[in-house]
Amino acid sequence: MRYGLVVIAAGFTGLLSFSLLAVAIGTDYWYIIDVNKPNGTGSADLSSHSGLWMINEGANMSSVIPFFTANMSSLSEVERHLLGLHKVVVILLPLSLVLLLFGWIFALVSSLVCSPNLLARSASYVLFCSLFTLTGVSIYIKYSHLAMEEFQQVVSPESLAHVEVSFGWSLATAWLSYSLEVTTGLLLMLAARITQLKGRCDSGVAML
């Protein structure tokens, strides 16, 4: 396999994973609640979709999630736990985005100098970054399930009969970003291996 194609593919997947994670963090379709009343009256106003930062209700109502400004003393233990999980998510995913940017730059420099050691370190760094993305997304899913369980305890089953909840395309975009981060790391490892083998071949030819 040609070294140039591998590093170009790694650069493309790395840049795409960064872009997708940025889109996921900045959009508000992580969690969607659709209310479908039989008569349809007020269904659109009761439906909502939310992201890491905002909750959008109906057509024009939106509110910022107060994960850092909320008065913790007035919250129940479950609410504090949910808020804590949300804080972890909004810290981990932006941190992963910043780390990915540095990883992409590091990988670019490593590929230009064709150093197997630097390429291997770049691969390890990108794979390490992917753990932040994986952890953040996994915690968000756990947070959403716990929030829904708490909501079901205070709302009657009749009220929930016409409510559909689902994860949105923002979460799917974050998952895709994670997959591409792993792909980038594996491609960089392959590039390091190719460079290492090429160096051995060149050394063998020189000795002959």
C-alpha atoms as a PDB file:
ATOM      1  CA  MET A   1       0.000   0.000   0.000  1.00  0.00           C
ATOM      2  CA  ARG A   2       1.330   3.439  -0.890  1.00  0.00           C
ATOM      3  CA  TYR A   3       2.377   5.731   1.947  1.00  0.00           C
ATOM      4  CA  GLY A   4       0.997   8.857   0.270  1.00  0.00           C
ATOM      5  CA  LEU A   5      -2.506   7.476  -0.100  1.00  0.00           C
ATOM      6  CA  VAL A   6      -2.586   6.333   3.512  1.00  0.00           C
ATOM      7  CA  VAL A   7      -1.542   9.700   4.964  1.00  0.00           C
ATOM      8  CA  ILE A   8      -3.947  11.568   2.661  1.00  0.00           C
ATOM      9  CA  ALA A   9      -6.775   9.298   3.811  1.00  0.00           C
ATOM     10  CA  ALA A  10      -5.742   9.843   7.444  1.00  0.00           C
ATOM     11  CA  GLY A  11      -5.710  13.607   6.924  1.00  0.00           C
ATOM     12  CA  PHE A  12      -9.135  13.541   5.319  1.00  0.00           C
ATOM     13  CA  THR A  13     -10.746  11.372   8.015  1.00  0.00           C
ATOM     14  CA  GLY A  14      -9.091  13.433  10.741  1.00  0.00           C
ATOM     15  CA  LEU A  15     -10.380  16.714   9.327  1.00  0.00           C
ATOM     16  CA  LEU A  16     -13.836  15.236   8.758  1.00  0.00           C
ATOM     17  CA  SER A  17     -14.031  13.868  12.302  1.00  0.00           C
ATOM     18  CA  PHE A  18     -13.117  17.313  13.683  1.00  0.00           C
ATOM     19  CA  SER A  19     -15.771  18.993  11.522  1.00  0.00           C
ATOM     20  CA  LEU A  20     -18.474  16.504  12.462  1.00  0.00           C
ATOM     21  CA  LEU A  21     -17.755  16.819  16.168  1.00  0.00           C
ATOM     22  CA  ALA A  22     -17.885  20.621  15.890  1.00  0.00           C
ATOM     23  CA  VAL A  23     -21.274  20.345  14.152  1.00  0.00           C
ATOM     24  CA  ALA A  24     -22.555  17.922  16.801  1.00  0.00           C
ATOM     25  CA  ILE A  25     -21.484  20.181  19.668  1.00  0.00           C
ATOM     26  CA  GLY A  26     -23.007  23.270  18.094  1.00  0.00           C
ATOM     27  CA  THR A  27     -26.417  21.845  17.104  1.00  0.00           C
ATOM     28  CA  ASP A  28     -29.509  21.149  19.197  1.00  0.00           C
ATOM     29  CA  TYR A  29     -30.744  17.792  17.917  1.00  0.00           C
ATOM     30  CA  TRP A  30     -29.219  15.433  20.447  1.00  0.00           C
ATOM     31  CA  TYR A  31     -32.542  14.539  22.065  1.00  0.00           C
ATOM     32  CA  ILE A  32     -35.974  14.908  20.472  1.00  0.00           C
ATOM     33  CA  ILE A  33     -39.398  14.770  22.127  1.00  0.00           C
ATOM     34  CA  ASP A  34     -42.392  14.546  19.771  1.00  0.00           C
ATOM     35  CA  VAL A  35     -45.891  14.985  21.139  1.00  0.00           C
ATOM     36  CA  ASN A  36     -48.583  13.528  18.870  1.00  0.00           C
ATOM     37  CA  LYS A  37     -52.008  14.241  20.294  1.00  0.00           C
ATOM     38  CA  PRO A  38     -54.962  12.546  18.567  1.00  0.00           C
ATOM     39  CA  ASN A  39     -56.568  15.878  17.683  1.00  0.00           C
ATOM     40  CA  GLY A  40     -53.220  17.492  16.872  1.00  0.00           C
ATOM     41  CA  THR A  41     -54.014  20.585  18.953  1.00  0.00           C
ATOM     42  CA  GLY A  42     -50.913  22.089  20.509  1.00  0.00           C
ATOM     43  CA  SER A  43     -48.686  19.148  19.574  1.00  0.00           C
ATOM     44  CA  ALA A  44     -46.095  21.331  17.879  1.00  0.00           C
ATOM     45  CA  ASP A  45     -45.906  23.640  20.907  1.00  0.00           C
ATOM     46  CA  LEU A  46     -45.336  20.713  23.293  1.00  0.00           C
ATOM     47  CA  SER A  47     -42.658  19.023  21.179  1.00  0.00           C
ATOM     48  CA  SER A  48     -39.031  19.915  21.822  1.00  0.00           C
ATOM     49  CA  HIS A  49     -35.474  19.173  20.808  1.00  0.00           C
ATOM     50  CA  SER A  50     -32.347  19.828  22.812  1.00  0.00           C
ATOM     51  CA  GLY A  51     -28.589  19.869  22.533  1.00  0.00           C
ATOM     52  CA  LEU A  52     -25.709  20.313  24.918  1.00  0.00           C
ATOM     53  CA  TRP A  53     -26.438  23.982  25.531  1.00  0.00           C
ATOM     54  CA  MET A  54     -30.049  24.750  24.585  1.00  0.00           C
ATOM     55  CA  ILE A  55     -33.577  23.364  24.869  1.00  0.00           C
ATOM     56  CA  ASN A  56     -35.926  24.387  22.053  1.00  0.00           C
ATOM     57  CA  GLU A  57     -39.636  24.075  22.823  1.00  0.00           C
ATOM     58  CA  GLY A  58     -42.319  24.633  20.211  1.00  0.00           C
ATOM     59  CA  ALA A  59     -41.664  27.017  17.352  1.00  0.00           C
ATOM     60  CA  ASN A  60     -40.128  30.021  19.105  1.00  0.00           C
ATOM     61  CA  MET A  61     -39.283  29.120  22.711  1.00  0.00           C
ATOM     62  CA  SER A  62     -35.705  28.292  23.656  1.00  0.00           C
ATOM     63  CA  SER A  63     -33.767  28.305  26.899  1.00  0.00           C
ATOM     64  CA  VAL A  64     -30.170  27.816  27.943  1.00  0.00           C
ATOM     65  CA  ILE A  65     -29.442  24.768  30.090  1.00  0.00           C
ATOM     66  CA  PRO A  66     -28.165  26.195  33.427  1.00  0.00           C
ATOM     67  CA  PHE A  67     -25.571  23.512  34.143  1.00  0.00           C
ATOM     68  CA  PHE A  68     -23.079  25.992  35.646  1.00  0.00           C
ATOM     69  CA  THR A  69     -25.414  28.697  37.002  1.00  0.00           C
ATOM     70  CA  ALA A  70     -28.100  26.572  38.652  1.00  0.00           C
ATOM     71  CA  ASN A  71     -28.672  26.920  42.389  1.00  0.00           C
ATOM     72  CA  MET A  72     -27.560  23.486  43.594  1.00  0.00           C
ATOM     73  CA  SER A  73     -29.088  23.920  47.065  1.00  0.00           C
ATOM     74  CA  SER A  74     -32.613  24.071  45.614  1.00  0.00           C
ATOM     75  CA  LEU A  75     -32.215  20.864  43.592  1.00  0.00           C
ATOM     76  CA  SER A  76     -32.919  17.311  44.624  1.00  0.00           C
ATOM     77  CA  GLU A  77     -30.176  14.699  44.777  1.00  0.00           C
ATOM     78  CA  VAL A  78     -31.297  13.178  41.463  1.00  0.00           C
ATOM     79  CA  GLU A  79     -31.354  16.591  39.776  1.00  0.00           C
ATOM     80  CA  ARG A  80     -27.864  17.362  41.061  1.00  0.00           C
ATOM     81  CA  HIS A  81     -26.651  14.023  39.740  1.00  0.00           C
ATOM     82  CA  LEU A  82     -28.174  14.692  36.303  1.00  0.00           C
ATOM     83  CA  LEU A  83     -26.704  18.190  36.225  1.00  0.00           C
ATOM     84  CA  GLY A  84     -23.311  16.767  37.160  1.00  0.00           C
ATOM     85  CA  LEU A  85     -23.459  14.279  34.291  1.00  0.00           C
ATOM     86  CA  HIS A  86     -24.374  17.061  31.896  1.00  0.00           C
ATOM     87  CA  LYS A  87     -21.437  19.155  33.112  1.00  0.00           C
ATOM     88  CA  VAL A  88     -19.067  16.281  32.366  1.00  0.00           C
ATOM     89  CA  VAL A  89     -20.435  16.002  28.809  1.00  0.00           C
ATOM     90  CA  VAL A  90     -20.099  19.716  28.029  1.00  0.00           C
ATOM     91  CA  ILE A  91     -16.516  19.620  29.285  1.00  0.00           C
ATOM     92  CA  LEU A  92     -15.372  16.377  27.655  1.00  0.00           C
ATOM     93  CA  LEU A  93     -16.678  16.949  24.114  1.00  0.00           C
ATOM     94  CA  PRO A  94     -15.296  20.489  23.583  1.00  0.00           C
ATOM     95  CA  LEU A  95     -12.018  19.304  25.134  1.00  0.00           C
ATOM     96  CA  SER A  96     -11.958  16.427  22.668  1.00  0.00           C
ATOM     97  CA  LEU A  97     -12.510  18.915  19.841  1.00  0.00           C
ATOM     98  CA  VAL A  98      -9.525  21.025  20.914  1.00  0.00           C
ATOM     99  CA  LEU A  99      -7.321  17.967  21.355  1.00  0.00           C
ATOM    100  CA  LEU A 100      -8.327  16.743  17.892  1.00  0.00           C
ATOM    101  CA  LEU A 101      -7.164  20.000  16.348  1.00  0.00           C
ATOM    102  CA  PHE A 102      -3.714  19.627  17.886  1.00  0.00           C
ATOM    103  CA  GLY A 103      -3.682  15.953  16.928  1.00  0.00           C
ATOM    104  CA  TRP A 104      -4.406  16.792  13.287  1.00  0.00           C
ATOM    105  CA  ILE A 105      -1.536  19.320  13.246  1.00  0.00           C
ATOM    106  CA  PHE A 106       0.814  16.844  14.931  1.00  0.00           C
ATOM    107  CA  ALA A 107      -0.154  14.126  12.452  1.00  0.00           C
ATOM    108  CA  LEU A 108       0.401  16.488   9.504  1.00  0.00           C
ATOM    109  CA  VAL A 109       3.923  17.339  10.668  1.00  0.00           C
ATOM    110  CA  SER A 110       4.669  13.656  11.340  1.00  0.00           C
ATOM    111  CA  SER A 111       3.524  12.654   7.851  1.00  0.00           C
ATOM    112  CA  LEU A 112       5.646  15.360   6.211  1.00  0.00           C
ATOM    113  CA  VAL A 113       8.846  14.240   7.952  1.00  0.00           C
ATOM    114  CA  CYS A 114       7.964  10.546   7.376  1.00  0.00           C
ATOM    115  CA  SER A 115       9.029   9.582  10.868  1.00  0.00           C
ATOM    116  CA  PRO A 116       7.629   6.207  11.999  1.00  0.00           C
ATOM    117  CA  ASN A 117       8.053   7.151  15.665  1.00  0.00           C
ATOM    118  CA  LEU A 118       6.204  10.442  15.269  1.00  0.00           C
ATOM    119  CA  LEU A 119       3.473   8.798  13.204  1.00  0.00           C
ATOM    120  CA  ALA A 120       2.989   6.108  15.847  1.00  0.00           C
ATOM    121  CA  ARG A 121       2.795   8.757  18.564  1.00  0.00           C
ATOM    122  CA  SER A 122       0.323  10.755  16.492  1.00  0.00           C
ATOM    123  CA  ALA A 123      -1.805   7.640  16.081  1.00  0.00           C
ATOM    124  CA  SER A 124      -1.759   6.986  19.821  1.00  0.00           C
ATOM    125  CA  TYR A 125      -2.670  10.616  20.502  1.00  0.00           C
ATOM    126  CA  VAL A 126      -5.651  10.545  18.121  1.00  0.00           C
ATOM    127  CA  LEU A 127      -6.890   7.272  19.606  1.00  0.00           C
ATOM    128  CA  PHE A 128      -6.538   8.830  23.045  1.00  0.00           C
ATOM    129  CA  CYS A 129      -8.660  11.780  21.860  1.00  0.00           C
ATOM    130  CA  SER A 130     -11.310   9.369  20.619  1.00  0.00           C
ATOM    131  CA  LEU A 131     -11.727   8.107  24.190  1.00  0.00           C
ATOM    132  CA  PHE A 132     -12.850  11.593  25.245  1.00  0.00           C
ATOM    133  CA  THR A 133     -15.467  11.617  22.485  1.00  0.00           C
ATOM    134  CA  LEU A 134     -16.632   8.089  23.315  1.00  0.00           C
ATOM    135  CA  THR A 135     -16.865   8.866  27.017  1.00  0.00           C
ATOM    136  CA  GLY A 136     -18.750  12.114  26.432  1.00  0.00           C
ATOM    137  CA  VAL A 137     -21.310  10.522  24.112  1.00  0.00           C
ATOM    138  CA  SER A 138     -21.777   7.510  26.405  1.00  0.00           C
ATOM    139  CA  ILE A 139     -22.352   9.735  29.435  1.00  0.00           C
ATOM    140  CA  TYR A 140     -24.887  11.796  27.470  1.00  0.00           C
ATOM    141  CA  ILE A 141     -26.837   8.641  26.616  1.00  0.00           C
ATOM    142  CA  LYS A 142     -26.780   7.594  30.273  1.00  0.00           C
ATOM    143  CA  TYR A 143     -27.851  11.100  31.305  1.00  0.00           C
ATOM    144  CA  SER A 144     -30.778  11.035  28.852  1.00  0.00           C
ATOM    145  CA  HIS A 145     -32.011   7.652  30.066  1.00  0.00           C
ATOM    146  CA  LEU A 146     -31.853   8.717  33.721  1.00  0.00           C
ATOM    147  CA  ALA A 147     -33.642  11.987  32.942  1.00  0.00           C
ATOM    148  CA  MET A 148     -36.404  10.107  31.135  1.00  0.00           C
ATOM    149  CA  GLU A 149     -36.791   7.646  34.008  1.00  0.00           C
ATOM    150  CA  GLU A 150     -37.120  10.538  36.444  1.00  0.00           C
ATOM    151  CA  PHE A 151     -39.663  12.227  34.167  1.00  0.00           C
ATOM    152  CA  GLN A 152     -41.739   9.047  33.944  1.00  0.00           C
ATOM    153  CA  GLN A 153     -42.017   8.941  37.729  1.00  0.00           C
ATOM    154  CA  VAL A 154     -43.696  12.350  37.933  1.00  0.00           C
ATOM    155  CA  VAL A 155     -45.900  12.130  34.822  1.00  0.00           C
ATOM    156  CA  SER A 156     -48.856   9.808  34.444  1.00  0.00           C
ATOM    157  CA  PRO A 157     -48.731   7.006  31.834  1.00  0.00           C
ATOM    158  CA  GLU A 158     -51.739   8.568  30.097  1.00  0.00           C
ATOM    159  CA  SER A 159     -49.810  11.772  29.507  1.00  0.00           C
ATOM    160  CA  LEU A 160     -46.894   9.807  28.041  1.00  0.00           C
ATOM    161  CA  ALA A 161     -49.064   7.731  25.701  1.00  0.00           C
ATOM    162  CA  HIS A 162     -48.654  10.174  22.824  1.00  0.00           C
ATOM    163  CA  VAL A 163     -45.037  11.153  23.543  1.00  0.00           C
ATOM    164  CA  GLU A 164     -42.190   9.764  21.443  1.00  0.00           C
ATOM    165  CA  VAL A 165     -38.586  10.316  22.466  1.00  0.00           C
ATOM    166  CA  SER A 166     -35.527   9.603  20.379  1.00  0.00           C
ATOM    167  CA  PHE A 167     -31.919  10.584  19.908  1.00  0.00           C
ATOM    168  CA  GLY A 168     -31.372  12.995  17.039  1.00  0.00           C
ATOM    169  CA  TRP A 169     -28.902  13.452  14.229  1.00  0.00           C
ATOM    170  CA  SER A 170     -26.534  15.528  16.367  1.00  0.00           C
ATOM    171  CA  LEU A 171     -25.790  12.479  18.501  1.00  0.00           C
ATOM    172  CA  ALA A 172     -25.404  10.348  15.359  1.00  0.00           C
ATOM    173  CA  THR A 173     -22.919  12.926  14.038  1.00  0.00           C
ATOM    174  CA  ALA A 174     -20.878  12.660  17.248  1.00  0.00           C
ATOM    175  CA  TRP A 175     -20.842   8.839  16.928  1.00  0.00           C
ATOM    176  CA  LEU A 176     -19.657   9.165  13.332  1.00  0.00           C
ATOM    177  CA  SER A 177     -16.938  11.550  14.447  1.00  0.00           C
ATOM    178  CA  TYR A 178     -15.758   8.985  17.001  1.00  0.00           C
ATOM    179  CA  SER A 179     -15.644   6.280  14.317  1.00  0.00           C
ATOM    180  CA  LEU A 180     -13.578   8.517  12.055  1.00  0.00           C
ATOM    181  CA  GLU A 181     -11.208   9.366  14.909  1.00  0.00           C
ATOM    182  CA  VAL A 182     -10.513   5.673  15.404  1.00  0.00           C
ATOM    183  CA  THR A 183     -10.102   5.248  11.633  1.00  0.00           C
ATOM    184  CA  THR A 184      -7.618   8.124  11.561  1.00  0.00           C
ATOM    185  CA  GLY A 185      -5.570   6.584  14.358  1.00  0.00           C
ATOM    186  CA  LEU A 186      -5.455   3.210  12.616  1.00  0.00           C
ATOM    187  CA  LEU A 187      -4.442   4.812   9.309  1.00  0.00           C
ATOM    188  CA  LEU A 188      -1.624   6.684  11.038  1.00  0.00           C
ATOM    189  CA  MET A 189      -0.448   3.420  12.568  1.00  0.00           C
ATOM    190  CA  LEU A 190      -0.480   1.874   9.107  1.00  0.00           C
ATOM    191  CA  ALA A 191       1.515   4.826   7.757  1.00  0.00           C
ATOM    192  CA  ALA A 192       4.065   4.362  10.548  1.00  0.00           C
ATOM    193  CA  ARG A 193       4.363   0.682   9.687  1.00  0.00           C
ATOM    194  CA  ILE A 194       4.819   1.422   5.983  1.00  0.00           C
ATOM    195  CA  THR A 195       7.521   3.986   6.757  1.00  0.00           C
ATOM    196  CA  GLN A 196       9.279   1.555   9.067  1.00  0.00           C
ATOM    197  CA  LEU A 197       9.248  -1.238   6.472  1.00  0.00           C
ATOM    198  CA  LYS A 198      10.394   1.132   3.741  1.00  0.00           C
ATOM    199  CA  GLY A 199      13.309   2.214   5.942  1.00  0.00           C
ATOM    200  CA  ARG A 200      14.341  -1.416   6.451  1.00  0.00           C
ATOM    201  CA  CYS A 201      14.160  -2.109   2.720  1.00  0.00           C
ATOM    202  CA  ASP A 202      16.224   0.967   1.940  1.00  0.00           C
ATOM    203  CA  SER A 203      18.812  -0.066   4.525  1.00  0.00           C
ATOM    204  CA  GLY A 204      18.998  -3.554   3.027  1.00  0.00           C
ATOM    205  CA  VAL A 205      19.517  -2.177  -0.466  1.00  0.00           C
ATOM    206  CA  ALA A 206      22.229   0.180   0.791  1.00  0.00           C
ATOM    207  CA  MET A 207      24.086  -2.692   2.471  1.00  0.00           C
ATOM    208  CA  LEU A 208      24.028  -4.665  -0.788  1.00  0.00           C
END
